[in-house]
Each structure stands twice: as structure tokens, then as C-alpha cells.
Protein backbone atom coordinates (compact mmCIF):
# COMPACT_ATOMS: atom_id res chain seq x y z
CA MET A 1 -105.28 -82.75 27.90
CA SER A 2 -105.88 -86.27 26.62
CA SER A 3 -105.77 -87.12 22.93
CA ALA A 4 -109.48 -87.90 22.98
CA GLN A 5 -110.19 -84.27 24.00
CA ASP A 6 -107.44 -82.48 22.03
CA PRO A 7 -108.88 -80.86 18.86
CA PHE A 8 -105.58 -81.51 17.09
CA TYR A 9 -106.06 -85.28 17.20
CA ILE A 10 -109.67 -84.99 16.08
CA VAL A 11 -108.67 -82.98 12.99
CA LYS A 12 -105.61 -85.18 12.48
CA GLU A 13 -107.78 -88.31 12.42
CA GLU A 14 -110.06 -86.78 9.79
CA ILE A 15 -107.13 -85.69 7.63
CA GLN A 16 -105.48 -89.12 7.90
CA GLU A 17 -108.72 -90.78 6.79
CA SER A 18 -108.83 -88.41 3.80
CA ILE A 19 -105.22 -89.29 2.97
CA ASP A 20 -105.99 -93.02 3.18
CA THR A 21 -108.95 -92.53 0.84
CA LEU A 22 -106.77 -90.44 -1.47
CA GLN A 23 -104.11 -93.17 -1.67
CA ALA A 24 -106.75 -95.85 -2.31
CA THR A 25 -108.17 -93.77 -5.16
CA PHE A 26 -104.66 -93.15 -6.48
CA HIS A 27 -103.93 -96.89 -6.59
CA GLN A 28 -107.17 -97.36 -8.52
CA TRP A 29 -106.17 -94.54 -10.88
CA GLU A 30 -102.86 -96.24 -11.66
CA HIS A 31 -104.56 -99.33 -13.11
CA ILE A 32 -106.95 -97.45 -15.37
CA PRO A 33 -106.02 -97.16 -19.06
CA VAL A 34 -104.42 -93.86 -19.99
CA ALA A 35 -106.67 -91.21 -21.57
CA SER A 36 -109.84 -93.10 -20.69
CA GLY A 37 -112.90 -91.31 -19.37
CA GLU A 38 -112.63 -93.01 -15.99
CA GLN A 39 -109.03 -91.88 -15.58
CA THR A 40 -110.00 -88.31 -16.41
CA ARG A 41 -112.74 -88.38 -13.77
CA LEU A 42 -110.43 -89.84 -11.15
CA THR A 43 -107.71 -87.35 -12.05
CA LYS A 44 -110.06 -84.43 -11.31
CA GLU A 45 -111.20 -86.13 -8.11
CA LEU A 46 -107.64 -86.75 -6.95
CA LEU A 47 -106.52 -83.18 -7.65
CA SER A 48 -109.58 -81.80 -5.87
CA ASN A 49 -108.96 -84.01 -2.86
CA CYS A 50 -105.29 -83.01 -2.81
CA GLU A 51 -106.22 -79.33 -2.73
CA SER A 52 -108.72 -79.95 0.08
CA ILE A 53 -106.26 -81.94 2.20
CA GLU A 54 -103.48 -79.42 1.63
CA TRP A 55 -105.79 -76.65 2.83
CA GLN A 56 -106.65 -78.65 5.98
CA VAL A 57 -102.96 -79.31 6.65
CA ASP A 58 -102.25 -75.58 6.22
CA GLU A 59 -104.90 -74.71 8.80
CA LEU A 60 -103.53 -77.35 11.18
CA GLU A 61 -100.01 -75.94 10.79
CA LYS A 62 -101.33 -72.48 11.66
CA ALA A 63 -102.88 -73.88 14.82
CA ILE A 64 -99.58 -75.58 15.71
CA SER A 65 -97.75 -72.30 15.13
CA VAL A 66 -100.10 -70.51 17.53
CA ALA A 67 -99.68 -73.24 20.15
CA SER A 68 -95.87 -73.13 19.83
CA ARG A 69 -95.85 -69.54 21.13
CA ASP A 70 -97.07 -70.64 24.56
CA PRO A 71 -97.22 -74.47 24.78
CA THR A 72 -97.89 -74.59 28.54
CA SER A 73 -101.19 -72.73 28.21
CA TYR A 74 -102.37 -75.46 25.81
CA GLY A 75 -101.14 -78.29 28.05
CA ILE A 76 -98.47 -79.56 25.63
CA ASN A 77 -94.67 -79.71 25.63
CA GLN A 78 -91.95 -79.26 23.02
CA ALA A 79 -91.76 -82.98 22.24
CA GLU A 80 -95.48 -83.02 21.46
CA LEU A 81 -95.08 -79.95 19.21
CA ASP A 82 -92.25 -81.69 17.33
CA ARG A 83 -94.41 -84.78 16.79
CA ARG A 84 -97.23 -82.65 15.43
CA VAL A 85 -94.94 -80.73 13.07
CA LYS A 86 -93.40 -84.01 11.87
CA TRP A 87 -96.82 -85.48 11.17
CA THR A 88 -97.99 -82.45 9.14
CA ARG A 89 -94.81 -82.61 7.07
CA THR A 90 -95.34 -86.31 6.41
CA ALA A 91 -98.97 -85.70 5.46
CA ARG A 92 -97.98 -82.89 3.11
CA THR A 93 -95.35 -85.15 1.49
CA GLN A 94 -97.90 -87.94 0.94
CA VAL A 95 -100.39 -85.56 -0.65
CA GLY A 96 -97.66 -83.83 -2.70
CA ASN A 97 -96.43 -87.13 -4.11
CA VAL A 98 -99.92 -88.09 -5.24
CA LYS A 99 -100.46 -84.68 -6.78
CA LYS A 100 -97.16 -84.76 -8.69
CA SER A 101 -97.88 -88.23 -10.01
CA VAL A 102 -101.36 -87.28 -11.18
CA ILE A 103 -100.36 -84.11 -13.01
CA GLY A 104 -97.34 -85.86 -14.57
CA THR A 105 -97.44 -88.04 -17.67
CA GLY A 106 -96.53 -91.65 -18.26
CA TYR A 107 -97.41 -94.81 -16.39
CA SER A 108 -93.81 -95.43 -15.30
CA THR A 109 -93.73 -92.19 -13.37
CA SER A 110 -96.92 -93.05 -11.51
CA SER A 111 -95.60 -96.54 -10.79
CA GLY A 112 -92.46 -95.09 -9.28
CA MET A 113 -94.55 -92.73 -7.26
CA ARG A 114 -96.60 -95.67 -6.03
CA GLU A 115 -93.42 -97.33 -4.74
CA GLU A 116 -92.42 -94.10 -3.01
CA LEU A 117 -95.84 -93.86 -1.39
CA MET A 118 -95.58 -97.45 -0.24
CA ARG A 119 -92.26 -96.62 1.47
CA LEU A 120 -93.78 -93.72 3.40
CA PRO A 121 -94.41 -94.54 7.08
CA ASN A 122 -97.98 -95.31 8.04
CA THR A 123 -98.20 -92.74 10.80
CA ARG A 124 -101.87 -93.40 11.40
CA HIS A 125 -101.27 -96.75 13.08
CA GLN A 126 -98.32 -95.34 15.01
CA ASP A 127 -100.42 -92.44 16.20
CA ARG A 128 -103.24 -94.78 17.21
CA ALA A 129 -100.78 -96.86 19.24
CA SER A 130 -99.51 -93.64 20.83
CA HIS A 131 -103.11 -92.67 21.55
CA TYR A 132 -103.70 -95.98 23.27
CA VAL A 133 -100.63 -95.49 25.47
CA GLU A 134 -101.74 -91.95 26.34
CA ASP A 135 -105.26 -93.18 27.05
CA ASP A 136 -103.81 -95.87 29.35
CA ASP A 137 -101.77 -93.22 31.16
CA ASP A 138 -104.88 -91.06 31.52
CA PHE A 139 -106.85 -94.04 32.85
CA ILE A 140 -104.12 -94.88 35.37
CA THR A 141 -103.97 -91.25 36.48
CA SER A 142 -107.74 -90.97 36.87
CA GLU A 143 -107.85 -94.32 38.72
CA SER A 144 -105.09 -93.13 41.04
CA ASP A 145 -106.98 -89.89 41.69
CA ARG A 146 -110.13 -91.88 42.44
CA GLN A 147 -108.25 -94.12 44.88
CA MET A 148 -106.77 -91.07 46.63
CA LEU A 149 -110.26 -89.54 46.90
CA LEU A 150 -111.60 -92.76 48.45
CA ILE A 151 -108.71 -92.83 50.92
CA ARG A 152 -109.40 -89.22 51.93
CA GLN A 153 -113.09 -90.00 52.39
CA GLN A 154 -112.23 -93.03 54.54
CA ASP A 155 -109.86 -90.91 56.63
CA GLU A 156 -112.62 -88.34 57.19
CA GLU A 157 -115.07 -91.08 58.18
CA LEU A 158 -112.52 -92.56 60.60
CA ASP A 159 -111.95 -89.12 62.13
CA GLU A 160 -115.70 -88.69 62.64
CA LEU A 161 -115.93 -92.19 64.15
CA SER A 162 -113.02 -91.43 66.48
CA ALA A 163 -114.72 -88.21 67.61
CA SER A 164 -117.96 -90.12 68.27
CA VAL A 165 -116.08 -92.73 70.32
CA GLU A 166 -114.44 -89.98 72.37
CA ARG A 167 -117.83 -88.37 73.05
CA ILE A 168 -119.30 -91.74 74.10
CA GLY A 169 -116.30 -92.36 76.37
CA SER A 170 -116.74 -88.93 77.99
CA VAL A 171 -120.43 -89.64 78.63
CA GLY A 172 -119.51 -93.04 80.11
CA LEU A 173 -117.01 -91.43 82.50
CA THR A 174 -119.65 -88.90 83.59
CA ILE A 175 -122.16 -91.70 84.29
CA HIS A 176 -119.47 -93.62 86.22
CA ASP A 177 -118.71 -90.60 88.42
CA GLU A 178 -122.43 -90.06 89.05
CA LEU A 179 -122.89 -93.70 90.07
CA GLN A 180 -119.95 -93.48 92.46
CA ALA A 181 -121.45 -90.35 94.05
CA GLN A 182 -124.81 -92.09 94.46
CA GLU A 183 -123.05 -95.11 95.98
CA ARG A 184 -121.30 -92.87 98.53
CA ILE A 185 -124.62 -91.27 99.49
CA ILE A 186 -126.22 -94.70 100.00
CA ASP A 187 -123.24 -95.80 102.10
CA ASP A 188 -123.54 -92.68 104.26
CA LEU A 189 -127.28 -93.25 104.72
CA GLY A 190 -126.66 -96.88 105.73
CA SER A 191 -124.06 -95.76 108.27
CA GLU A 192 -126.52 -93.26 109.78
CA MET A 193 -129.24 -95.93 109.96
CA ASP A 194 -126.85 -98.31 111.75
CA SER A 195 -125.87 -95.59 114.21
CA THR A 196 -129.53 -94.73 114.94
CA SER A 197 -130.39 -98.40 115.40
CA ASN A 198 -127.54 -98.78 117.93
CA ARG A 199 -128.74 -95.75 119.84
CA LEU A 200 -132.29 -97.09 119.99
CA ASP A 201 -131.05 -100.43 121.26
CA PHE A 202 -129.06 -98.67 123.94
CA VAL A 203 -132.08 -96.61 125.06
CA GLN A 204 -134.30 -99.69 125.15
CA LYS A 205 -131.81 -101.50 127.39
CA LYS A 206 -131.61 -98.53 129.72
CA VAL A 207 -135.41 -98.32 129.88
CA ALA A 208 -135.67 -101.96 130.76
CA VAL A 209 -133.18 -101.53 133.61
CA VAL A 210 -134.93 -98.45 134.98
CA MET A 211 -138.35 -100.09 134.79
CA LYS A 212 -137.16 -102.98 136.87
CA LYS A 213 -135.92 -100.64 139.60
CA ALA A 214 -138.75 -98.08 139.65
CA SER A 215 -142.25 -98.43 141.10
CA ALA A 216 -145.38 -98.75 138.99
CA LYS A 217 -146.04 -95.02 139.09
CA GLY A 218 -142.47 -94.26 138.51
CA GLN A 219 -142.50 -96.74 135.66
CA MET A 220 -145.46 -94.94 134.02
CA MET A 221 -143.66 -91.62 134.34
CA MET A 222 -140.54 -93.15 132.96
CA ILE A 223 -142.45 -94.66 130.05
CA LEU A 224 -144.00 -91.30 129.23
CA PHE A 225 -140.58 -89.67 129.48
CA LEU A 226 -139.03 -92.23 127.26
CA ILE A 227 -141.85 -91.95 124.73
CA VAL A 228 -141.34 -88.21 124.60
CA LEU A 229 -137.59 -88.73 124.36
CA PHE A 230 -138.08 -91.25 121.57
CA ILE A 231 -140.30 -88.84 119.64
CA VAL A 232 -137.74 -86.07 120.07
CA LEU A 233 -134.91 -88.33 118.92
CA PHE A 234 -136.98 -89.58 115.99
CA VAL A 235 -137.67 -86.02 114.90
CA LEU A 236 -134.04 -85.04 115.30
CA VAL A 237 -132.81 -88.04 113.29
CA PHE A 238 -135.25 -88.08 110.42
CA PHE A 239 -136.38 -84.46 110.06
CA THR A 240 -133.18 -82.55 110.59
């Protein structure tokens, strides 16, 4: 789970903003004359804010305690739990220091507390930098997932294109075989026509020879015979 979606970081951000506001008010409180009305008002405000922040930190620690029982189900590891526990302790220390300074007496004490607060690490900026790194990792991961999805889609499209090419090739081979069969039929028909033409030429030559040798009557009979023979051959060749 990314930091932008984790409820812990949302609550943590709110608490850190409250702590920053608390420290700003505390610095203002330090420069107000002692026992003045403004200091009294700010003292009540600071103590009230301290109580509120401490309560929020308590609730956040309870949530961390629940998550520590089964970190994997919440998508976190032990290192992340340690960072969260460390941050809550630091937040509690910051609030506790302000509270002790406010309920104490004397300006020197509050000044010393101010120096102690100034030495405390500013975890907010560190956490923000960590958030940015985690966000970058999440972006890289999501971008990698998107690239992998595009590659899978391209592979599927290439598979479909390959299947289409194979189907077109199969149809082309079928058409080629059909054309070859038609070509063989035409060749056979041409051969038969050539054979029939040769036979007719042979018969015509024989008729011419017979007609020269036969008488007129015999020629007429021969012509009729040949006509009948031609009709019979024509029927045999073209209708059988």
C-alpha cells in the first residue's frame, strides 16, 4: 500500500501539522511577559492542544499495535513498523517537552526547553522525502506493469495476425490447387480436340482418294456413307 493510501500517513500528517502549530504557538508564548493575560490565554491553549495531540498519538499507537500482530495482512514489514513506532515516540517527546515547559515556572526553564525543541529532529521533512521516494517507487512499479500489459496486448495482436496470415495462406494454396486442376482439364480437352482434328483430316484424305477411283454413282453412295460416318463420329466424340 502506498503512503498516499495508507491511513497511518494521513493521520501522521495531521498530527505533525498540529505539532508544528503547537511549537509555533510555544515560541510565541516564550516572548510574552510573564503573568500577562495573553500568556495565560496561550498557556491554556497550549495545554489543550497538548492533550489533544497526545490523545491522537495514543490512538495511532493502538493502531500500530494492532498492525504489529499481523503486519503482512496490512501490507507492511517490520522495518516500517519500527519507523512508525519511532515517529510516535518522537512526537510524544516533542509534545511532552512543550507541556513540561508550559506548566513549569520561570523564563529560563522555557528557554532551555526551546533549545531542546530546536535540537529535536524535524521528522516531517524526512517523512515527506521518504514519501516522495515511495511514491517514485510506486510510479515506477505501475509504469512497469503498464508496459508489461502493453507487451502482452501486442503479443496477442501478433498471434491473431499470424493466425490470419496462416488462414490466408491456406486459402491461397487451395486456389492454387484448383487452378492447376482446371489447367489439367483444359490441357486434356485440347489434346482430345487435336486428336479429333487429326482423325477428321485422315478421313477427308481417304474420301478424296476413294472419290477419285469410284464412279459418279459410287461417289454419291460413298459421300452419303461418309456423311453418315461423320455424323456418327461427331456424336461419339462430342456427346459421349
